[in-house]
């Protein structure tokens, strides 16, 4: 998992170097292969919660044993103009949860810090809670929402990787 995490982190660092938005990207492992999903999180908490709820349902639908999520974040609890920023990759499976980040410096020019590995106790427990229980199932209504959200033309179209 760690080698894929490093690939995902490098991909997002390259996007940031090109002065483009680093949209949160999920690499979701499934029995049929990995899927990639981009989820632009809104600043509104209810929209963010809905996106995470949909991801959790996608994980159930695809019987996912784990995922990797990469995004840009502020490291301070409260958002401010001077808060430290980083690109962070989190990997979660049934056996482990870990993360890796590179801090961002924007002045006097854009640069990225060294790799910093994060132990499981530094990973938000909400990520592990997204993984489905072994007996988890979707209702018909939930499956319909998942198919709409992650289908072609949906809010978060899922693409097979590789």
N, C-alpha and C. Protein backbone atom coordinates (compact mmCIF):
# COMPACT_ATOMS: atom_id res chain seq x y z
N UNK A 1 0.83 -1.19 0.00
CA UNK A 1 0.00 0.00 0.00
C UNK A 1 0.87 1.26 0.00
N UNK A 2 2.00 1.23 0.70
CA UNK A 2 2.82 2.44 0.82
C UNK A 2 3.40 2.89 -0.51
N UNK A 3 3.76 1.95 -1.38
CA UNK A 3 4.31 2.36 -2.68
C UNK A 3 3.25 3.06 -3.52
N UNK A 4 2.02 2.58 -3.46
CA UNK A 4 0.92 3.24 -4.19
C UNK A 4 0.63 4.60 -3.57
N UNK A 5 0.71 4.70 -2.24
CA UNK A 5 0.51 5.99 -1.58
C UNK A 5 1.52 7.01 -2.08
N UNK A 6 2.77 6.59 -2.22
CA UNK A 6 3.81 7.51 -2.71
C UNK A 6 3.55 7.93 -4.15
N UNK A 7 3.06 7.02 -4.98
CA UNK A 7 2.69 7.36 -6.37
C UNK A 7 1.58 8.40 -6.38
N UNK A 8 0.56 8.19 -5.56
CA UNK A 8 -0.57 9.13 -5.51
C UNK A 8 -0.13 10.49 -5.00
N UNK A 9 0.73 10.51 -4.00
CA UNK A 9 1.24 11.77 -3.46
C UNK A 9 2.04 12.51 -4.54
N UNK A 10 2.92 11.80 -5.24
CA UNK A 10 3.73 12.43 -6.30
C UNK A 10 2.85 13.00 -7.40
N UNK A 11 1.78 12.29 -7.75
CA UNK A 11 0.84 12.76 -8.77
C UNK A 11 0.22 14.10 -8.34
N UNK A 12 -0.20 14.19 -7.09
CA UNK A 12 -0.83 15.43 -6.60
C UNK A 12 0.17 16.55 -6.44
N UNK A 13 1.40 16.25 -6.05
CA UNK A 13 2.44 17.28 -5.97
C UNK A 13 2.69 17.87 -7.35
N UNK A 14 2.72 17.02 -8.36
CA UNK A 14 2.94 17.51 -9.73
C UNK A 14 1.79 18.42 -10.17
N UNK A 15 0.57 18.07 -9.81
CA UNK A 15 -0.58 18.94 -10.12
C UNK A 15 -0.41 20.30 -9.45
N UNK A 16 -0.01 20.30 -8.18
CA UNK A 16 0.19 21.57 -7.46
C UNK A 16 1.32 22.38 -8.07
N UNK A 17 2.38 21.72 -8.53
CA UNK A 17 3.50 22.43 -9.18
C UNK A 17 3.03 23.18 -10.43
N UNK A 18 1.99 22.65 -11.08
CA UNK A 18 1.44 23.27 -12.28
C UNK A 18 0.40 24.34 -11.94
N UNK A 19 0.32 24.70 -10.66
CA UNK A 19 -0.61 25.73 -10.18
C UNK A 19 -2.07 25.36 -10.47
N UNK A 20 -2.36 24.07 -10.42
CA UNK A 20 -3.74 23.60 -10.60
C UNK A 20 -4.28 23.14 -9.26
N UNK A 21 -5.61 23.11 -9.13
CA UNK A 21 -6.24 22.64 -7.90
C UNK A 21 -5.98 21.16 -7.69
N UNK A 22 -5.65 20.80 -6.46
CA UNK A 22 -5.50 19.40 -6.09
C UNK A 22 -6.86 18.95 -5.55
N UNK A 23 -7.62 18.32 -6.40
CA UNK A 23 -8.95 17.83 -6.02
C UNK A 23 -8.76 16.49 -5.32
N UNK A 24 -9.40 16.29 -4.17
CA UNK A 24 -9.25 15.00 -3.48
C UNK A 24 -9.52 13.83 -4.42
N UNK A 25 -8.56 12.88 -4.42
CA UNK A 25 -8.64 11.71 -5.29
C UNK A 25 -8.61 10.46 -4.44
N UNK A 26 -9.55 9.59 -4.72
CA UNK A 26 -9.65 8.30 -4.03
C UNK A 26 -9.20 7.20 -4.99
N UNK A 27 -8.36 6.34 -4.53
CA UNK A 27 -8.01 5.11 -5.25
C UNK A 27 -8.59 3.99 -4.42
N UNK A 28 -9.65 3.38 -4.94
CA UNK A 28 -10.43 2.42 -4.18
C UNK A 28 -10.15 1.01 -4.69
N UNK A 29 -9.64 0.17 -3.79
CA UNK A 29 -9.36 -1.22 -4.14
C UNK A 29 -10.66 -2.02 -4.13
N UNK A 30 -10.83 -2.87 -5.14
CA UNK A 30 -12.00 -3.75 -5.20
C UNK A 30 -11.54 -5.12 -5.72
N UNK A 31 -12.35 -6.14 -5.54
CA UNK A 31 -11.98 -7.45 -6.09
C UNK A 31 -11.81 -7.44 -7.61
N UNK A 32 -12.43 -6.51 -8.30
CA UNK A 32 -12.34 -6.45 -9.77
C UNK A 32 -11.28 -5.46 -10.26
N UNK A 33 -10.53 -4.86 -9.35
CA UNK A 33 -9.51 -3.88 -9.72
C UNK A 33 -9.77 -2.54 -9.05
N UNK A 34 -8.81 -1.64 -9.18
CA UNK A 34 -8.91 -0.33 -8.53
C UNK A 34 -9.76 0.65 -9.34
N UNK A 35 -10.43 1.54 -8.61
CA UNK A 35 -11.20 2.63 -9.20
C UNK A 35 -10.64 3.95 -8.72
N UNK A 36 -10.70 4.96 -9.57
CA UNK A 36 -10.33 6.32 -9.21
C UNK A 36 -11.57 7.19 -9.15
N UNK A 37 -11.67 7.98 -8.09
CA UNK A 37 -12.82 8.87 -7.91
C UNK A 37 -12.29 10.21 -7.40
N UNK A 38 -12.71 11.30 -8.05
CA UNK A 38 -12.39 12.65 -7.59
C UNK A 38 -13.60 13.20 -6.84
N UNK A 39 -13.37 13.76 -5.66
CA UNK A 39 -14.46 14.35 -4.89
C UNK A 39 -14.06 15.76 -4.47
N UNK A 40 -14.59 16.73 -5.16
CA UNK A 40 -14.33 18.12 -4.76
C UNK A 40 -15.19 18.38 -3.53
N UNK A 41 -14.53 18.50 -2.37
CA UNK A 41 -15.25 18.75 -1.13
C UNK A 41 -15.65 20.20 -1.05
N UNK A 42 -16.90 20.42 -0.77
CA UNK A 42 -17.40 21.78 -0.59
C UNK A 42 -17.01 22.26 0.81
N UNK A 43 -17.02 23.57 0.99
CA UNK A 43 -16.73 24.14 2.31
C UNK A 43 -17.89 23.90 3.28
N UNK A 44 -19.05 23.61 2.75
CA UNK A 44 -20.21 23.38 3.61
C UNK A 44 -20.14 21.97 4.18
N UNK A 45 -20.25 21.88 5.49
CA UNK A 45 -20.09 20.61 6.18
C UNK A 45 -21.10 19.56 5.73
N UNK A 46 -22.35 19.96 5.46
CA UNK A 46 -23.36 18.98 5.04
C UNK A 46 -23.03 18.40 3.66
N UNK A 47 -22.46 19.21 2.76
CA UNK A 47 -22.08 18.70 1.44
C UNK A 47 -20.88 17.75 1.55
N UNK A 48 -19.96 18.09 2.42
CA UNK A 48 -18.80 17.22 2.65
C UNK A 48 -19.25 15.89 3.26
N UNK A 49 -20.14 15.96 4.23
CA UNK A 49 -20.66 14.75 4.86
C UNK A 49 -21.39 13.88 3.85
N UNK A 50 -22.13 14.49 2.95
CA UNK A 50 -22.85 13.74 1.92
C UNK A 50 -21.87 13.03 0.99
N UNK A 51 -20.79 13.72 0.60
CA UNK A 51 -19.79 13.10 -0.28
C UNK A 51 -19.15 11.90 0.41
N UNK A 52 -18.81 12.03 1.68
CA UNK A 52 -18.22 10.91 2.42
C UNK A 52 -19.21 9.77 2.59
N UNK A 53 -20.48 10.10 2.80
CA UNK A 53 -21.52 9.06 2.90
C UNK A 53 -21.60 8.29 1.59
N UNK A 54 -21.58 9.01 0.47
CA UNK A 54 -21.62 8.35 -0.83
C UNK A 54 -20.39 7.47 -1.05
N UNK A 55 -19.21 7.96 -0.66
CA UNK A 55 -18.00 7.14 -0.77
C UNK A 55 -18.17 5.86 0.04
N UNK A 56 -18.70 5.97 1.26
CA UNK A 56 -18.87 4.78 2.09
C UNK A 56 -19.81 3.77 1.42
N UNK A 57 -20.83 4.26 0.73
CA UNK A 57 -21.76 3.36 0.02
C UNK A 57 -21.10 2.75 -1.20
N UNK A 58 -20.25 3.51 -1.89
CA UNK A 58 -19.49 2.96 -3.02
C UNK A 58 -18.59 1.83 -2.54
N UNK A 59 -17.96 2.03 -1.38
CA UNK A 59 -17.08 1.01 -0.81
C UNK A 59 -17.86 -0.28 -0.52
N UNK A 60 -19.08 -0.15 -0.02
CA UNK A 60 -19.93 -1.32 0.21
C UNK A 60 -20.25 -2.00 -1.11
N UNK A 61 -20.71 -1.21 -2.08
CA UNK A 61 -21.13 -1.75 -3.36
C UNK A 61 -20.01 -2.55 -4.03
N UNK A 62 -18.79 -2.01 -3.95
CA UNK A 62 -17.65 -2.65 -4.61
C UNK A 62 -16.89 -3.62 -3.70
N UNK A 63 -17.41 -3.84 -2.49
CA UNK A 63 -16.77 -4.76 -1.52
C UNK A 63 -15.30 -4.40 -1.32
N UNK A 64 -15.04 -3.15 -1.11
CA UNK A 64 -13.67 -2.65 -1.02
C UNK A 64 -12.99 -3.06 0.29
N UNK A 65 -11.78 -3.61 0.17
CA UNK A 65 -11.00 -3.92 1.38
C UNK A 65 -10.13 -2.74 1.83
N UNK A 66 -10.09 -1.67 1.02
CA UNK A 66 -9.26 -0.53 1.40
C UNK A 66 -9.23 0.54 0.33
N UNK A 67 -8.66 1.68 0.70
CA UNK A 67 -8.59 2.81 -0.23
C UNK A 67 -7.42 3.69 0.14
N UNK A 68 -7.08 4.55 -0.81
CA UNK A 68 -6.07 5.59 -0.61
C UNK A 68 -6.73 6.90 -1.05
N UNK A 69 -6.61 7.93 -0.22
CA UNK A 69 -7.18 9.23 -0.55
C UNK A 69 -6.07 10.27 -0.45
N UNK A 70 -5.97 11.13 -1.47
CA UNK A 70 -4.97 12.19 -1.49
C UNK A 70 -5.65 13.52 -1.71
N UNK A 71 -5.24 14.53 -0.95
CA UNK A 71 -5.79 15.87 -1.12
C UNK A 71 -4.88 16.91 -0.49
N UNK A 72 -5.22 18.16 -0.75
CA UNK A 72 -4.50 19.28 -0.16
C UNK A 72 -5.28 19.74 1.06
N UNK A 73 -4.56 20.05 2.13
CA UNK A 73 -5.25 20.43 3.35
C UNK A 73 -4.46 21.50 4.11
N UNK A 74 -5.18 22.19 4.98
CA UNK A 74 -4.52 23.09 5.92
C UNK A 74 -4.25 22.29 7.18
N UNK A 75 -3.10 22.49 7.77
CA UNK A 75 -2.71 21.70 8.94
C UNK A 75 -3.23 22.27 10.25
N UNK A 76 -3.68 23.52 10.23
CA UNK A 76 -4.24 24.13 11.44
C UNK A 76 -5.69 23.71 11.61
N UNK A 77 -6.15 23.66 12.85
CA UNK A 77 -7.55 23.32 13.12
C UNK A 77 -8.50 24.35 12.53
N UNK A 78 -8.14 25.63 12.66
CA UNK A 78 -8.97 26.71 12.13
C UNK A 78 -8.34 27.22 10.84
N UNK A 79 -9.18 27.44 9.84
CA UNK A 79 -8.68 27.96 8.57
C UNK A 79 -8.25 29.42 8.73
N UNK A 80 -7.09 29.71 8.17
CA UNK A 80 -6.61 31.09 8.17
C UNK A 80 -5.73 31.27 6.94
N UNK A 81 -5.44 32.50 6.61
CA UNK A 81 -4.63 32.78 5.43
C UNK A 81 -3.20 32.29 5.61
N UNK A 82 -2.73 32.21 6.84
CA UNK A 82 -1.34 31.84 7.09
C UNK A 82 -1.17 30.42 7.61
N UNK A 83 -2.22 29.64 7.60
CA UNK A 83 -2.12 28.27 8.09
C UNK A 83 -1.19 27.46 7.20
N UNK A 84 -0.44 26.57 7.82
CA UNK A 84 0.45 25.68 7.07
C UNK A 84 -0.41 24.75 6.22
N UNK A 85 0.10 24.45 5.02
CA UNK A 85 -0.62 23.57 4.10
C UNK A 85 0.24 22.36 3.78
N UNK A 86 -0.43 21.31 3.32
CA UNK A 86 0.29 20.11 2.91
C UNK A 86 -0.57 19.32 1.93
N UNK A 87 0.10 18.50 1.15
CA UNK A 87 -0.59 17.48 0.38
C UNK A 87 -0.45 16.20 1.19
N UNK A 88 -1.58 15.58 1.48
CA UNK A 88 -1.62 14.43 2.38
C UNK A 88 -2.24 13.24 1.65
N UNK A 89 -1.64 12.09 1.84
CA UNK A 89 -2.18 10.84 1.33
C UNK A 89 -2.44 9.93 2.52
N UNK A 90 -3.66 9.39 2.58
CA UNK A 90 -4.06 8.49 3.65
C UNK A 90 -4.40 7.14 3.03
N UNK A 91 -3.87 6.08 3.61
CA UNK A 91 -4.17 4.72 3.16
C UNK A 91 -4.86 3.96 4.28
N UNK A 92 -5.97 3.31 3.95
CA UNK A 92 -6.75 2.59 4.96
C UNK A 92 -7.11 1.21 4.42
N UNK A 93 -6.84 0.19 5.24
CA UNK A 93 -7.28 -1.16 4.93
C UNK A 93 -7.77 -1.77 6.24
N UNK A 94 -8.22 -2.99 6.17
CA UNK A 94 -8.68 -3.65 7.40
C UNK A 94 -7.55 -3.83 8.40
N UNK A 95 -6.31 -3.91 7.90
CA UNK A 95 -5.16 -4.19 8.77
C UNK A 95 -4.38 -2.97 9.21
N UNK A 96 -4.50 -1.87 8.47
CA UNK A 96 -3.69 -0.71 8.82
C UNK A 96 -4.31 0.59 8.31
N UNK A 97 -3.84 1.65 8.91
CA UNK A 97 -4.16 3.01 8.44
C UNK A 97 -2.90 3.83 8.66
N UNK A 98 -2.46 4.52 7.63
CA UNK A 98 -1.28 5.36 7.76
C UNK A 98 -1.39 6.51 6.77
N UNK A 99 -0.47 7.42 6.88
CA UNK A 99 -0.50 8.57 5.99
C UNK A 99 0.90 9.05 5.69
N UNK A 100 0.99 9.87 4.67
CA UNK A 100 2.24 10.51 4.32
C UNK A 100 1.89 11.90 3.78
N UNK A 101 2.74 12.87 4.08
CA UNK A 101 2.45 14.23 3.60
C UNK A 101 3.73 14.93 3.20
N UNK A 102 3.52 15.99 2.42
CA UNK A 102 4.59 16.93 2.08
C UNK A 102 4.04 18.32 2.33
N UNK A 103 4.68 19.04 3.21
CA UNK A 103 4.26 20.41 3.51
C UNK A 103 4.52 21.30 2.30
N UNK A 104 3.65 22.30 2.16
CA UNK A 104 3.74 23.25 1.05
C UNK A 104 4.23 24.59 1.57
N UNK A 105 5.23 25.14 0.90
CA UNK A 105 5.68 26.51 1.15
C UNK A 105 5.41 27.29 -0.13
N UNK A 106 4.70 28.40 -0.02
CA UNK A 106 4.34 29.18 -1.20
C UNK A 106 5.18 30.43 -1.39
N UNK A 107 5.85 30.88 -0.35
CA UNK A 107 6.67 32.09 -0.43
C UNK A 107 8.09 31.77 -0.02
N UNK A 108 9.10 32.26 -0.65
CA UNK A 108 9.07 33.19 -1.77
C UNK A 108 8.69 32.51 -3.08
N UNK A 109 8.79 31.17 -3.14
CA UNK A 109 8.34 30.44 -4.32
C UNK A 109 7.80 29.09 -3.85
N UNK A 110 7.03 28.47 -4.70
CA UNK A 110 6.41 27.19 -4.36
C UNK A 110 7.47 26.11 -4.17
N UNK A 111 7.39 25.43 -3.02
CA UNK A 111 8.27 24.30 -2.77
C UNK A 111 7.55 23.31 -1.84
N UNK A 112 8.10 22.11 -1.79
CA UNK A 112 7.48 21.04 -1.01
C UNK A 112 8.50 20.46 -0.05
N UNK A 113 8.06 20.21 1.17
CA UNK A 113 8.94 19.64 2.19
C UNK A 113 9.22 18.17 1.93
N UNK A 114 10.02 17.60 2.80
CA UNK A 114 10.37 16.18 2.73
C UNK A 114 9.14 15.34 3.08
N UNK A 115 9.20 14.07 2.74
CA UNK A 115 8.13 13.15 3.11
C UNK A 115 8.06 13.03 4.63
N UNK A 116 6.84 13.09 5.15
CA UNK A 116 6.60 12.87 6.58
C UNK A 116 5.57 11.76 6.70
N UNK A 117 5.97 10.62 7.26
CA UNK A 117 5.04 9.51 7.45
C UNK A 117 4.24 9.73 8.72
N UNK A 118 2.95 9.42 8.66
CA UNK A 118 2.05 9.61 9.79
C UNK A 118 1.59 8.25 10.30
N UNK A 119 1.73 8.04 11.59
CA UNK A 119 1.29 6.79 12.20
C UNK A 119 -0.24 6.76 12.29
N UNK A 120 -0.77 5.59 12.56
CA UNK A 120 -2.22 5.41 12.61
C UNK A 120 -2.90 6.36 13.59
N UNK A 121 -2.25 6.66 14.71
CA UNK A 121 -2.90 7.55 15.68
C UNK A 121 -2.98 9.00 15.20
N UNK A 122 -2.37 9.31 14.05
CA UNK A 122 -2.48 10.64 13.45
C UNK A 122 -3.48 10.68 12.29
N UNK A 123 -4.16 9.56 12.05
CA UNK A 123 -5.14 9.46 10.97
C UNK A 123 -6.53 9.60 11.58
N UNK A 124 -7.34 10.47 11.00
CA UNK A 124 -8.70 10.68 11.47
C UNK A 124 -9.44 9.33 11.46
N UNK A 125 -10.00 8.91 12.62
CA UNK A 125 -10.72 7.63 12.68
C UNK A 125 -11.90 7.56 11.71
N UNK A 126 -12.38 8.69 11.25
CA UNK A 126 -13.51 8.70 10.31
C UNK A 126 -13.13 7.98 9.01
N UNK A 127 -11.85 8.02 8.63
CA UNK A 127 -11.43 7.31 7.41
C UNK A 127 -11.60 5.80 7.57
N UNK A 128 -11.19 5.26 8.70
CA UNK A 128 -11.34 3.83 8.92
C UNK A 128 -12.82 3.44 8.98
N UNK A 129 -13.63 4.33 9.51
CA UNK A 129 -15.08 4.05 9.62
C UNK A 129 -15.77 4.00 8.25
N UNK A 130 -15.12 4.51 7.22
CA UNK A 130 -15.70 4.43 5.88
C UNK A 130 -15.69 3.00 5.33
N UNK A 131 -14.75 2.18 5.79
CA UNK A 131 -14.67 0.82 5.29
C UNK A 131 -15.92 0.04 5.68
N UNK A 132 -16.45 -0.75 4.76
CA UNK A 132 -17.68 -1.49 5.08
C UNK A 132 -17.42 -2.68 6.00
N UNK A 133 -18.41 -2.96 6.82
CA UNK A 133 -18.38 -4.19 7.61
C UNK A 133 -18.52 -5.37 6.65
N UNK A 134 -18.05 -6.53 7.07
CA UNK A 134 -18.09 -7.70 6.18
C UNK A 134 -19.50 -8.04 5.70
N UNK A 135 -20.50 -7.77 6.51
CA UNK A 135 -21.88 -8.12 6.14
C UNK A 135 -22.69 -6.92 5.65
N UNK A 136 -22.01 -5.81 5.34
CA UNK A 136 -22.72 -4.60 4.92
C UNK A 136 -23.41 -4.81 3.58
N UNK A 137 -24.60 -4.27 3.47
CA UNK A 137 -25.37 -4.34 2.23
C UNK A 137 -26.02 -2.98 1.97
N UNK A 138 -26.33 -2.74 0.72
CA UNK A 138 -27.00 -1.51 0.33
C UNK A 138 -28.49 -1.77 0.16
N UNK A 139 -29.29 -0.78 0.50
CA UNK A 139 -30.71 -0.84 0.17
C UNK A 139 -30.84 -0.51 -1.32
N UNK A 140 -31.99 -0.75 -1.87
CA UNK A 140 -32.24 -0.42 -3.28
C UNK A 140 -32.08 1.08 -3.50
N UNK A 141 -32.58 1.88 -2.57
CA UNK A 141 -32.47 3.34 -2.70
C UNK A 141 -31.01 3.78 -2.65
N UNK A 142 -30.20 3.18 -1.75
CA UNK A 142 -28.78 3.54 -1.66
C UNK A 142 -28.04 3.14 -2.94
N UNK A 143 -28.34 1.96 -3.47
CA UNK A 143 -27.70 1.52 -4.70
C UNK A 143 -28.02 2.46 -5.85
N UNK A 144 -29.26 2.91 -5.93
CA UNK A 144 -29.67 3.87 -6.96
C UNK A 144 -28.86 5.16 -6.84
N UNK A 145 -28.70 5.66 -5.61
CA UNK A 145 -27.92 6.88 -5.39
C UNK A 145 -26.46 6.69 -5.79
N UNK A 146 -25.90 5.52 -5.46
CA UNK A 146 -24.51 5.22 -5.80
C UNK A 146 -24.34 5.18 -7.33
N UNK A 147 -25.24 4.49 -8.01
CA UNK A 147 -25.16 4.38 -9.46
C UNK A 147 -25.25 5.75 -10.14
N UNK A 148 -26.08 6.61 -9.60
CA UNK A 148 -26.21 7.97 -10.16
C UNK A 148 -24.96 8.80 -9.86
N UNK A 149 -24.51 8.79 -8.61
CA UNK A 149 -23.37 9.63 -8.20
C UNK A 149 -22.06 9.21 -8.86
N UNK A 150 -21.84 7.90 -9.00
CA UNK A 150 -20.54 7.42 -9.49
C UNK A 150 -20.58 6.94 -10.94
N UNK A 151 -21.74 7.02 -11.56
CA UNK A 151 -21.86 6.63 -12.95
C UNK A 151 -21.38 7.73 -13.88
N UNK A 152 -21.31 7.40 -15.16
CA UNK A 152 -20.90 8.39 -16.15
C UNK A 152 -21.85 9.58 -16.11
N UNK A 153 -21.31 10.77 -16.01
CA UNK A 153 -22.13 11.97 -15.90
C UNK A 153 -22.57 12.29 -14.48
N UNK A 154 -22.20 11.44 -13.53
CA UNK A 154 -22.56 11.68 -12.14
C UNK A 154 -21.67 12.72 -11.49
N UNK A 155 -21.96 13.03 -10.25
CA UNK A 155 -21.19 14.03 -9.51
C UNK A 155 -19.74 13.58 -9.29
N UNK A 156 -19.55 12.28 -9.07
CA UNK A 156 -18.22 11.72 -8.81
C UNK A 156 -17.97 10.49 -9.69
N UNK A 157 -17.87 10.65 -11.00
CA UNK A 157 -17.75 9.47 -11.87
C UNK A 157 -16.54 8.61 -11.52
N UNK A 158 -16.78 7.34 -11.29
CA UNK A 158 -15.72 6.38 -10.93
C UNK A 158 -15.14 5.78 -12.21
N UNK A 159 -13.83 5.76 -12.30
CA UNK A 159 -13.14 5.22 -13.49
C UNK A 159 -12.25 4.06 -13.07
N UNK A 160 -12.32 2.97 -13.82
CA UNK A 160 -11.41 1.84 -13.57
C UNK A 160 -9.99 2.28 -13.87
N UNK A 161 -9.06 1.92 -13.03
CA UNK A 161 -7.66 2.27 -13.22
C UNK A 161 -6.91 1.07 -13.77
N UNK A 162 -5.85 1.37 -14.51
CA UNK A 162 -5.00 0.31 -15.01
C UNK A 162 -5.58 -0.33 -16.17
